[in-house]
Amino acid sequence: MKLQGQGKLLRIFIGEADRLDHHALYEVIVRTAKEQGVAGATVLRGIEGFGANSRFIHTAKILRLSEDLPIVIEIVDTEEKIKAFQPVVDQLIDRSGCSAMITLEGVEVLRYGPARA
C-alpha cells in the first residue's frame, strides 16, 4: 500500500477499563481497523487524565494507582479510508456504552513502509 502526502489522523480517547464483549475496547478498535485495511493504528497509554464521565483524575502516580488510565488510539490513512472507518468506530463505542472523544485532523504522511534498501 502506498501512502504519502495528505492524510487524516483519527484520534480516539477512551479509558483503559472500557470493554466491548469482554474485550478491551482499544483492542477491538485496532483489530477492526486492521480488518478494514486501514494503514496503521497505535495505542498510547496515558499517565494521567480525565474525561466526560470522570468523577476524578485517573493517574499512574504510585500513591493513587488507577486501573483505568487514559487510552489514545491514533489511526492514520487517506481521508477516504478514515471517513469510511469513523462510523464503524462510532458503532463500536455506542455498543460498548463507554464515553469517548474522537478528533480528526489533517496530517502530511512523509513516509510509510519498510526500511529502504
C-alpha atoms as a PDB file:
ATOM      1  CA  MET A   1       0.000   0.000   0.000  1.00  0.00           C
ATOM      2  CA  LYS A   2       1.291   3.430  -0.919  1.00  0.00           C
ATOM      3  CA  LEU A   3       0.506   6.213   1.500  1.00  0.00           C
ATOM      4  CA  GLN A   4       2.229   9.544   1.095  1.00  0.00           C
ATOM      5  CA  GLY A   5       1.138  13.150   1.113  1.00  0.00           C
ATOM      6  CA  GLN A   6      -2.075  14.447   2.620  1.00  0.00           C
ATOM      7  CA  GLY A   7      -3.909  12.144   5.002  1.00  0.00           C
ATOM      8  CA  LYS A   8      -6.053  12.185   8.110  1.00  0.00           C
ATOM      9  CA  LEU A   9      -5.381  11.310  11.741  1.00  0.00           C
ATOM     10  CA  LEU A  10      -8.315   9.877  13.654  1.00  0.00           C
ATOM     11  CA  ARG A  11      -7.669  10.149  17.385  1.00  0.00           C
ATOM     12  CA  ILE A  12      -9.898   8.270  19.834  1.00  0.00           C
ATOM     13  CA  PHE A  13      -9.791   8.968  23.578  1.00  0.00           C
ATOM     14  CA  ILE A  14     -11.210   6.220  25.805  1.00  0.00           C
ATOM     15  CA  GLY A  15     -10.429   4.550  29.128  1.00  0.00           C
ATOM     16  CA  GLU A  16      -8.257   1.519  29.710  1.00  0.00           C
ATOM     17  CA  ALA A  17     -11.108  -0.271  31.512  1.00  0.00           C
ATOM     18  CA  ASP A  18     -13.605   0.258  28.653  1.00  0.00           C
ATOM     19  CA  ARG A  19     -14.848  -3.071  27.330  1.00  0.00           C
ATOM     20  CA  LEU A  20     -16.842  -4.480  24.433  1.00  0.00           C
ATOM     21  CA  ASP A  21     -17.959  -8.120  24.554  1.00  0.00           C
ATOM     22  CA  HIS A  22     -15.431  -8.884  27.338  1.00  0.00           C
ATOM     23  CA  HIS A  23     -12.507  -7.474  25.312  1.00  0.00           C
ATOM     24  CA  ALA A  24     -10.634  -4.218  25.833  1.00  0.00           C
ATOM     25  CA  LEU A  25     -12.325  -1.623  23.614  1.00  0.00           C
ATOM     26  CA  TYR A  26      -8.975  -0.379  22.301  1.00  0.00           C
ATOM     27  CA  GLU A  27      -8.105  -3.922  21.160  1.00  0.00           C
ATOM     28  CA  VAL A  28     -11.438  -4.256  19.351  1.00  0.00           C
ATOM     29  CA  ILE A  29     -10.948  -0.912  17.586  1.00  0.00           C
ATOM     30  CA  VAL A  30      -7.399  -1.748  16.467  1.00  0.00           C
ATOM     31  CA  ARG A  31      -8.364  -5.254  15.324  1.00  0.00           C
ATOM     32  CA  THR A  32     -11.315  -3.836  13.369  1.00  0.00           C
ATOM     33  CA  ALA A  33      -9.080  -1.185  11.765  1.00  0.00           C
ATOM     34  CA  LYS A  34      -6.707  -3.938  10.616  1.00  0.00           C
ATOM     35  CA  GLU A  35      -9.604  -5.996   9.215  1.00  0.00           C
ATOM     36  CA  GLN A  36     -10.871  -2.920   7.332  1.00  0.00           C
ATOM     37  CA  GLY A  37      -7.473  -2.393   5.695  1.00  0.00           C
ATOM     38  CA  VAL A  38      -6.585   0.848   7.434  1.00  0.00           C
ATOM     39  CA  ALA A  39      -2.910   1.815   7.010  1.00  0.00           C
ATOM     40  CA  GLY A  40      -1.954   1.844  10.683  1.00  0.00           C
ATOM     41  CA  ALA A  41      -3.029   2.283  14.283  1.00  0.00           C
ATOM     42  CA  THR A  42      -1.184   2.893  17.541  1.00  0.00           C
ATOM     43  CA  VAL A  43      -2.481   2.693  21.110  1.00  0.00           C
ATOM     44  CA  LEU A  44      -0.959   5.055  23.670  1.00  0.00           C
ATOM     45  CA  ARG A  45      -1.488   4.668  27.416  1.00  0.00           C
ATOM     46  CA  GLY A  46      -1.642   7.954  29.268  1.00  0.00           C
ATOM     47  CA  ILE A  47      -0.208   8.553  32.709  1.00  0.00           C
ATOM     48  CA  GLU A  48      -2.948  10.918  33.812  1.00  0.00           C
ATOM     49  CA  GLY A  49      -6.230  12.316  32.565  1.00  0.00           C
ATOM     50  CA  PHE A  50      -9.983  12.645  32.869  1.00  0.00           C
ATOM     51  CA  GLY A  51     -12.929  12.567  30.526  1.00  0.00           C
ATOM     52  CA  ALA A  52     -16.597  13.417  30.188  1.00  0.00           C
ATOM     53  CA  ASN A  53     -17.845  10.918  32.779  1.00  0.00           C
ATOM     54  CA  SER A  54     -14.872  11.074  35.151  1.00  0.00           C
ATOM     55  CA  ARG A  55     -15.543  11.857  38.761  1.00  0.00           C
ATOM     56  CA  PHE A  56     -11.821  12.225  39.475  1.00  0.00           C
ATOM     57  CA  ILE A  57      -8.486  12.337  37.683  1.00  0.00           C
ATOM     58  CA  HIS A  58      -7.105   8.932  36.706  1.00  0.00           C
ATOM     59  CA  THR A  59      -3.386   8.781  37.399  1.00  0.00           C
ATOM     60  CA  ALA A  60      -0.455   6.385  37.383  1.00  0.00           C
ATOM     61  CA  LYS A  61       1.113   8.030  40.447  1.00  0.00           C
ATOM     62  CA  ILE A  62       2.310   5.439  42.923  1.00  0.00           C
ATOM     63  CA  LEU A  63       0.124   6.695  45.785  1.00  0.00           C
ATOM     64  CA  ARG A  64      -3.044   6.600  43.714  1.00  0.00           C
ATOM     65  CA  LEU A  65      -2.648   3.818  41.195  1.00  0.00           C
ATOM     66  CA  SER A  66      -5.517   3.762  38.713  1.00  0.00           C
ATOM     67  CA  GLU A  67      -6.736   0.746  36.790  1.00  0.00           C
ATOM     68  CA  ASP A  68      -8.492   2.971  34.282  1.00  0.00           C
ATOM     69  CA  LEU A  69      -5.791   5.119  32.736  1.00  0.00           C
ATOM     70  CA  PRO A  70      -6.467   7.177  29.608  1.00  0.00           C
ATOM     71  CA  ILE A  71      -6.033   5.431  26.261  1.00  0.00           C
ATOM     72  CA  VAL A  72      -5.473   7.253  22.980  1.00  0.00           C
ATOM     73  CA  ILE A  73      -5.785   5.369  19.705  1.00  0.00           C
ATOM     74  CA  GLU A  74      -4.227   7.086  16.697  1.00  0.00           C
ATOM     75  CA  ILE A  75      -5.181   5.886  13.233  1.00  0.00           C
ATOM     76  CA  VAL A  76      -3.685   7.365  10.054  1.00  0.00           C
ATOM     77  CA  ASP A  77      -4.735   6.818   6.449  1.00  0.00           C
ATOM     78  CA  THR A  78      -6.205   8.670   3.500  1.00  0.00           C
ATOM     79  CA  GLU A  79      -9.187  10.911   4.080  1.00  0.00           C
ATOM     80  CA  GLU A  80     -11.467   8.458   2.258  1.00  0.00           C
ATOM     81  CA  LYS A  81     -10.411   5.466   4.398  1.00  0.00           C
ATOM     82  CA  ILE A  82     -10.652   7.402   7.661  1.00  0.00           C
ATOM     83  CA  LYS A  83     -14.060   8.870   6.800  1.00  0.00           C
ATOM     84  CA  ALA A  84     -15.297   5.357   5.961  1.00  0.00           C
ATOM     85  CA  PHE A  85     -13.879   3.905   9.206  1.00  0.00           C
ATOM     86  CA  GLN A  86     -15.121   6.616  11.583  1.00  0.00           C
ATOM     87  CA  PRO A  87     -18.780   5.427  11.595  1.00  0.00           C
ATOM     88  CA  VAL A  88     -17.515   1.932  12.452  1.00  0.00           C
ATOM     89  CA  VAL A  89     -15.695   3.401  15.459  1.00  0.00           C
ATOM     90  CA  ASP A  90     -18.883   5.217  16.488  1.00  0.00           C
ATOM     91  CA  GLN A  91     -20.819   1.935  16.398  1.00  0.00           C
ATOM     92  CA  LEU A  92     -18.197   0.125  18.491  1.00  0.00           C
ATOM     93  CA  ILE A  93     -18.197   2.886  21.098  1.00  0.00           C
ATOM     94  CA  ASP A  94     -22.015   3.015  21.172  1.00  0.00           C
ATOM     95  CA  ARG A  95     -22.181  -0.767  21.643  1.00  0.00           C
ATOM     96  CA  SER A  96     -19.675  -0.571  24.496  1.00  0.00           C
ATOM     97  CA  GLY A  97     -21.701   2.059  26.342  1.00  0.00           C
ATOM     98  CA  CYS A  98     -18.479   3.922  27.170  1.00  0.00           C
ATOM     99  CA  SER A  99     -17.799   7.602  26.848  1.00  0.00           C
ATOM    100  CA  ALA A 100     -15.235   8.744  24.307  1.00  0.00           C
ATOM    101  CA  MET A 101     -13.908  11.717  22.413  1.00  0.00           C
ATOM    102  CA  ILE A 102     -12.961  11.443  18.746  1.00  0.00           C
ATOM    103  CA  THR A 103     -10.958  14.051  16.859  1.00  0.00           C
ATOM    104  CA  LEU A 104      -9.929  14.324  13.235  1.00  0.00           C
ATOM    105  CA  GLU A 105      -7.042  16.338  11.859  1.00  0.00           C
ATOM    106  CA  GLY A 106      -5.075  16.675   8.694  1.00  0.00           C
ATOM    107  CA  VAL A 107      -1.585  15.219   8.502  1.00  0.00           C
ATOM    108  CA  GLU A 108       1.135  15.026   5.915  1.00  0.00           C
ATOM    109  CA  VAL A 109       2.496  11.498   5.599  1.00  0.00           C
ATOM    110  CA  LEU A 110       6.203  11.744   4.903  1.00  0.00           C
ATOM    111  CA  ARG A 111       6.974   8.049   4.994  1.00  0.00           C
ATOM    112  CA  TYR A 112       5.021   4.819   5.311  1.00  0.00           C
ATOM    113  CA  GLY A 113       6.612   1.460   4.765  1.00  0.00           C
ATOM    114  CA  PRO A 114       9.663  -0.684   5.449  1.00  0.00           C
ATOM    115  CA  ALA A 115      13.269   0.464   5.544  1.00  0.00           C
ATOM    116  CA  ARG A 116      14.676   1.433   2.184  1.00  0.00           C
ATOM    117  CA  ALA A 117      17.299  -0.807   0.634  1.00  0.00           C
END
